[in-house]
């Protein structure tokens, strides 16, 4: 684990935080109601975030 990852937390935690930020910027609700994210959106977005975090960590 790189020192950067150690300081920020595990890759999954960083990816989750990134997903929350993306949802906020896109106006997507993760808690239901209007503009609620679908399961597919959540899974795809988290997977892309995790991939981005792991790619950055290996650079």
PDB file of N, CA and C in Angstrom:
ATOM      1  N   UNK A   1       0.847  -1.179   0.000  1.00  0.00           N
ATOM      2  CA  UNK A   1       0.000   0.000   0.000  1.00  0.00           C
ATOM      3  C   UNK A   1       0.887   1.234   0.000  1.00  0.00           C
ATOM      4  N   UNK A   2       0.585   2.162  -0.894  1.00  0.00           N
ATOM      5  CA  UNK A   2       1.383   3.378  -0.956  1.00  0.00           C
ATOM      6  C   UNK A   2       1.094   4.271   0.241  1.00  0.00           C
ATOM      7  N   UNK A   3       1.993   5.191   0.519  1.00  0.00           N
ATOM      8  CA  UNK A   3       1.773   6.104   1.643  1.00  0.00           C
ATOM      9  C   UNK A   3       0.554   6.985   1.401  1.00  0.00           C
ATOM     10  N   UNK A   4       0.279   7.307   0.139  1.00  0.00           N
ATOM     11  CA  UNK A   4      -0.907   8.110  -0.200  1.00  0.00           C
ATOM     12  C   UNK A   4      -2.175   7.347   0.157  1.00  0.00           C
ATOM     13  N   UNK A   5      -2.257   6.071  -0.209  1.00  0.00           N
ATOM     14  CA  UNK A   5      -3.430   5.262   0.127  1.00  0.00           C
ATOM     15  C   UNK A   5      -3.566   5.116   1.632  1.00  0.00           C
ATOM     16  N   UNK A   6      -2.459   4.896   2.313  1.00  0.00           N
ATOM     17  CA  UNK A   6      -2.490   4.726   3.754  1.00  0.00           C
ATOM     18  C   UNK A   6      -3.049   5.969   4.439  1.00  0.00           C
ATOM     19  N   UNK A   7      -2.702   7.144   3.933  1.00  0.00           N
ATOM     20  CA  UNK A   7      -3.163   8.392   4.517  1.00  0.00           C
ATOM     21  C   UNK A   7      -4.652   8.613   4.237  1.00  0.00           C
ATOM     22  N   UNK A   8      -5.134   8.217   3.060  1.00  0.00           N
ATOM     23  CA  UNK A   8      -6.524   8.460   2.670  1.00  0.00           C
ATOM     24  C   UNK A   8      -7.473   7.342   3.079  1.00  0.00           C
ATOM     25  N   UNK A   9      -6.985   6.148   3.276  1.00  0.00           N
ATOM     26  CA  UNK A   9      -7.828   5.010   3.580  1.00  0.00           C
ATOM     27  C   UNK A   9      -7.750   3.995   2.465  1.00  0.00           C
ATOM     28  N   UNK A  10      -8.507   2.932   2.601  1.00  0.00           N
ATOM     29  CA  UNK A  10      -8.462   1.881   1.586  1.00  0.00           C
ATOM     30  C   UNK A  10      -9.076   2.383   0.280  1.00  0.00           C
ATOM     31  N   UNK A  11      -8.726   1.731  -0.806  1.00  0.00           N
ATOM     32  CA  UNK A  11      -9.197   2.138  -2.129  1.00  0.00           C
ATOM     33  C   UNK A  11     -10.725   2.175  -2.200  1.00  0.00           C
ATOM     34  N   UNK A  12     -11.373   1.229  -1.561  1.00  0.00           N
ATOM     35  CA  UNK A  12     -12.837   1.198  -1.589  1.00  0.00           C
ATOM     36  C   UNK A  12     -13.455   2.404  -0.890  1.00  0.00           C
ATOM     37  N   UNK A  13     -12.853   2.834   0.215  1.00  0.00           N
ATOM     38  CA  UNK A  13     -13.361   4.005   0.935  1.00  0.00           C
ATOM     39  C   UNK A  13     -13.178   5.271   0.105  1.00  0.00           C
ATOM     40  N   UNK A  14     -12.045   5.382  -0.562  1.00  0.00           N
ATOM     41  CA  UNK A  14     -11.793   6.541  -1.411  1.00  0.00           C
ATOM     42  C   UNK A  14     -12.756   6.540  -2.588  1.00  0.00           C
ATOM     43  N   UNK A  15     -12.976   5.368  -3.183  1.00  0.00           N
ATOM     44  CA  UNK A  15     -13.908   5.255  -4.308  1.00  0.00           C
ATOM     45  C   UNK A  15     -15.329   5.614  -3.878  1.00  0.00           C
ATOM     46  N   UNK A  16     -15.720   5.199  -2.690  1.00  0.00           N
ATOM     47  CA  UNK A  16     -17.058   5.514  -2.181  1.00  0.00           C
ATOM     48  C   UNK A  16     -17.214   7.024  -1.990  1.00  0.00           C
ATOM     49  N   UNK A  17     -16.204   7.665  -1.428  1.00  0.00           N
ATOM     50  CA  UNK A  17     -16.250   9.122  -1.244  1.00  0.00           C
ATOM     51  C   UNK A  17     -16.328   9.829  -2.592  1.00  0.00           C
ATOM     52  N   UNK A  18     -15.583   9.340  -3.563  1.00  0.00           N
ATOM     53  CA  UNK A  18     -15.630   9.909  -4.905  1.00  0.00           C
ATOM     54  C   UNK A  18     -17.020   9.742  -5.508  1.00  0.00           C
ATOM     55  N   UNK A  19     -17.628   8.572  -5.329  1.00  0.00           N
ATOM     56  CA  UNK A  19     -18.978   8.331  -5.837  1.00  0.00           C
ATOM     57  C   UNK A  19     -19.982   9.296  -5.202  1.00  0.00           C
ATOM     58  N   UNK A  20     -19.853   9.540  -3.902  1.00  0.00           N
ATOM     59  CA  UNK A  20     -20.753  10.478  -3.225  1.00  0.00           C
ATOM     60  C   UNK A  20     -20.608  11.877  -3.808  1.00  0.00           C
ATOM     61  N   UNK A  21     -19.384  12.288  -4.103  1.00  0.00           N
ATOM     62  CA  UNK A  21     -19.158  13.601  -4.702  1.00  0.00           C
ATOM     63  C   UNK A  21     -19.745  13.688  -6.100  1.00  0.00           C
ATOM     64  N   UNK A  22     -19.594  12.640  -6.875  1.00  0.00           N
ATOM     65  CA  UNK A  22     -20.164  12.611  -8.227  1.00  0.00           C
ATOM     66  C   UNK A  22     -21.684  12.696  -8.149  1.00  0.00           C
ATOM     67  N   UNK A  23     -22.290  11.951  -7.240  1.00  0.00           N
ATOM     68  CA  UNK A  23     -23.745  11.990  -7.079  1.00  0.00           C
ATOM     69  C   UNK A  23     -24.205  13.405  -6.735  1.00  0.00           C
ATOM     70  N   UNK A  24     -23.501  14.063  -5.850  1.00  0.00           N
ATOM     71  CA  UNK A  24     -23.872  15.424  -5.452  1.00  0.00           C
ATOM     72  C   UNK A  24     -23.777  16.380  -6.633  1.00  0.00           C
ATOM     73  N   UNK A  25     -22.708  16.298  -7.387  1.00  0.00           N
ATOM     74  CA  UNK A  25     -22.509  17.186  -8.534  1.00  0.00           C
ATOM     75  C   UNK A  25     -23.570  16.931  -9.610  1.00  0.00           C
ATOM     76  N   UNK A  26     -23.916  15.662  -9.820  1.00  0.00           N
ATOM     77  CA  UNK A  26     -24.898  15.309 -10.843  1.00  0.00           C
ATOM     78  C   UNK A  26     -26.333  15.441 -10.355  1.00  0.00           C
ATOM     79  N   UNK A  27     -26.523  15.765  -9.084  1.00  0.00           N
ATOM     80  CA  UNK A  27     -27.871  15.919  -8.546  1.00  0.00           C
ATOM     81  C   UNK A  27     -28.619  14.608  -8.386  1.00  0.00           C
ATOM     82  N   UNK A  28     -27.873  13.538  -8.146  1.00  0.00           N
ATOM     83  CA  UNK A  28     -28.451  12.209  -7.985  1.00  0.00           C
ATOM     84  C   UNK A  28     -28.594  11.910  -6.492  1.00  0.00           C
ATOM     85  N   UNK A  29     -29.772  11.468  -6.104  1.00  0.00           N
ATOM     86  CA  UNK A  29     -30.020  11.129  -4.705  1.00  0.00           C
ATOM     87  C   UNK A  29     -29.704   9.664  -4.449  1.00  0.00           C
ATOM     88  N   UNK A  30     -28.963   9.402  -3.396  1.00  0.00           N
ATOM     89  CA  UNK A  30     -28.680   8.017  -3.011  1.00  0.00           C
ATOM     90  C   UNK A  30     -29.578   7.563  -1.874  1.00  0.00           C
ATOM     91  N   UNK A  31     -30.477   8.428  -1.445  1.00  0.00           N
ATOM     92  CA  UNK A  31     -31.363   8.083  -0.330  1.00  0.00           C
ATOM     93  C   UNK A  31     -32.830   8.011  -0.740  1.00  0.00           C
ATOM     94  N   UNK A  32     -33.085   7.822  -2.019  1.00  0.00           N
ATOM     95  CA  UNK A  32     -34.462   7.691  -2.495  1.00  0.00           C
ATOM     96  C   UNK A  32     -35.077   9.029  -2.841  1.00  0.00           C
ATOM     97  N   UNK A  33     -36.325   8.988  -3.215  1.00  0.00           N
ATOM     98  CA  UNK A  33     -37.031  10.207  -3.574  1.00  0.00           C
ATOM     99  C   UNK A  33     -36.789  10.601  -5.009  1.00  0.00           C
ATOM    100  N   UNK A  34     -36.999  11.897  -5.268  1.00  0.00           N
ATOM    101  CA  UNK A  34     -36.829  12.418  -6.622  1.00  0.00           C
ATOM    102  C   UNK A  34     -35.362  12.343  -7.039  1.00  0.00           C
ATOM    103  N   UNK A  35     -35.142  12.071  -8.318  1.00  0.00           N
ATOM    104  CA  UNK A  35     -33.783  11.927  -8.881  1.00  0.00           C
ATOM    105  C   UNK A  35     -32.986  10.833  -8.171  1.00  0.00           C
ATOM    106  N   UNK A  36     -33.660   9.795  -7.768  1.00  0.00           N
ATOM    107  CA  UNK A  36     -33.025   8.686  -7.071  1.00  0.00           C
ATOM    108  C   UNK A  36     -32.166   7.859  -8.025  1.00  0.00           C
ATOM    109  N   UNK A  37     -30.988   7.499  -7.573  1.00  0.00           N
ATOM    110  CA  UNK A  37     -30.088   6.666  -8.370  1.00  0.00           C
ATOM    111  C   UNK A  37     -30.622   5.247  -8.440  1.00  0.00           C
ATOM    112  N   UNK A  38     -30.476   4.643  -9.603  1.00  0.00           N
ATOM    113  CA  UNK A  38     -30.838   3.236  -9.755  1.00  0.00           C
ATOM    114  C   UNK A  38     -29.699   2.372  -9.224  1.00  0.00           C
ATOM    115  N   UNK A  39     -30.026   1.126  -8.973  1.00  0.00           N
ATOM    116  CA  UNK A  39     -28.997   0.179  -8.532  1.00  0.00           C
ATOM    117  C   UNK A  39     -27.883   0.109  -9.569  1.00  0.00           C
ATOM    118  N   UNK A  40     -28.266   0.113 -10.840  1.00  0.00           N
ATOM    119  CA  UNK A  40     -27.297   0.034 -11.931  1.00  0.00           C
ATOM    120  C   UNK A  40     -26.365   1.251 -11.896  1.00  0.00           C
ATOM    121  N   UNK A  41     -26.919   2.455 -11.694  1.00  0.00           N
ATOM    122  CA  UNK A  41     -26.097   3.663 -11.636  1.00  0.00           C
ATOM    123  C   UNK A  41     -25.101   3.556 -10.493  1.00  0.00           C
ATOM    124  N   UNK A  42     -25.582   3.132  -9.327  1.00  0.00           N
ATOM    125  CA  UNK A  42     -24.710   3.029  -8.152  1.00  0.00           C
ATOM    126  C   UNK A  42     -23.586   2.031  -8.404  1.00  0.00           C
ATOM    127  N   UNK A  43     -23.924   0.850  -8.888  1.00  0.00           N
ATOM    128  CA  UNK A  43     -22.915  -0.188  -9.114  1.00  0.00           C
ATOM    129  C   UNK A  43     -21.903   0.236 -10.181  1.00  0.00           C
ATOM    130  N   UNK A  44     -22.395   0.782 -11.292  1.00  0.00           N
ATOM    131  CA  UNK A  44     -21.493   1.204 -12.365  1.00  0.00           C
ATOM    132  C   UNK A  44     -20.596   2.356 -11.931  1.00  0.00           C
ATOM    133  N   UNK A  45     -21.166   3.315 -11.239  1.00  0.00           N
ATOM    134  CA  UNK A  45     -20.395   4.473 -10.808  1.00  0.00           C
ATOM    135  C   UNK A  45     -19.342   4.073  -9.783  1.00  0.00           C
ATOM    136  N   UNK A  46     -19.723   3.232  -8.829  1.00  0.00           N
ATOM    137  CA  UNK A  46     -18.738   2.784  -7.842  1.00  0.00           C
ATOM    138  C   UNK A  46     -17.615   1.999  -8.518  1.00  0.00           C
ATOM    139  N   UNK A  47     -17.970   1.122  -9.452  1.00  0.00           N
ATOM    140  CA  UNK A  47     -16.948   0.332 -10.150  1.00  0.00           C
ATOM    141  C   UNK A  47     -15.981   1.233 -10.904  1.00  0.00           C
ATOM    142  N   UNK A  48     -16.502   2.265 -11.567  1.00  0.00           N
ATOM    143  CA  UNK A  48     -15.638   3.190 -12.295  1.00  0.00           C
ATOM    144  C   UNK A  48     -14.761   3.990 -11.339  1.00  0.00           C
ATOM    145  N   UNK A  49     -15.316   4.387 -10.212  1.00  0.00           N
ATOM    146  CA  UNK A  49     -14.540   5.124  -9.205  1.00  0.00           C
ATOM    147  C   UNK A  49     -13.427   4.250  -8.649  1.00  0.00           C
ATOM    148  N   UNK A  50     -13.751   3.010  -8.332  1.00  0.00           N
ATOM    149  CA  UNK A  50     -12.747   2.095  -7.796  1.00  0.00           C
ATOM    150  C   UNK A  50     -11.631   1.847  -8.807  1.00  0.00           C
ATOM    151  N   UNK A  51     -12.013   1.680 -10.049  1.00  0.00           N
ATOM    152  CA  UNK A  51     -11.020   1.486 -11.099  1.00  0.00           C
ATOM    153  C   UNK A  51     -10.105   2.706 -11.197  1.00  0.00           C
ATOM    154  N   UNK A  52     -10.682   3.901 -11.147  1.00  0.00           N
ATOM    155  CA  UNK A  52      -9.891   5.134 -11.233  1.00  0.00           C
ATOM    156  C   UNK A  52      -8.944   5.258 -10.044  1.00  0.00           C
ATOM    157  N   UNK A  53      -9.424   4.937  -8.857  1.00  0.00           N
ATOM    158  CA  UNK A  53      -8.593   5.028  -7.654  1.00  0.00           C
ATOM    159  C   UNK A  53      -7.439   4.042  -7.719  1.00  0.00           C
ATOM    160  N   UNK A  54      -7.725   2.820  -8.144  1.00  0.00           N
ATOM    161  CA  UNK A  54      -6.676   1.813  -8.212  1.00  0.00           C
ATOM    162  C   UNK A  54      -5.661   2.135  -9.311  1.00  0.00           C
ATOM    163  N   UNK A  55      -6.129   2.708 -10.417  1.00  0.00           N
ATOM    164  CA  UNK A  55      -5.213   3.117 -11.486  1.00  0.00           C
ATOM    165  C   UNK A  55      -4.287   4.214 -10.990  1.00  0.00           C
ATOM    166  N   UNK A  56      -4.853   5.181 -10.290  1.00  0.00           N
ATOM    167  CA  UNK A  56      -4.049   6.297  -9.777  1.00  0.00           C
ATOM    168  C   UNK A  56      -3.032   5.800  -8.759  1.00  0.00           C
ATOM    169  N   UNK A  57      -3.428   4.847  -7.940  1.00  0.00           N
ATOM    170  CA  UNK A  57      -2.531   4.320  -6.907  1.00  0.00           C
ATOM    171  C   UNK A  57      -1.337   3.588  -7.516  1.00  0.00           C
ATOM    172  N   UNK A  58      -1.555   2.973  -8.664  1.00  0.00           N
ATOM    173  CA  UNK A  58      -0.471   2.198  -9.289  1.00  0.00           C
ATOM    174  C   UNK A  58       0.429   3.067 -10.161  1.00  0.00           C
ATOM    175  N   UNK A  59       0.048   4.319 -10.356  1.00  0.00           N
ATOM    176  CA  UNK A  59       0.859   5.222 -11.194  1.00  0.00           C
ATOM    177  C   UNK A  59       2.070   5.737 -10.468  1.00  0.00           C
TER     178      UNK A  59
END
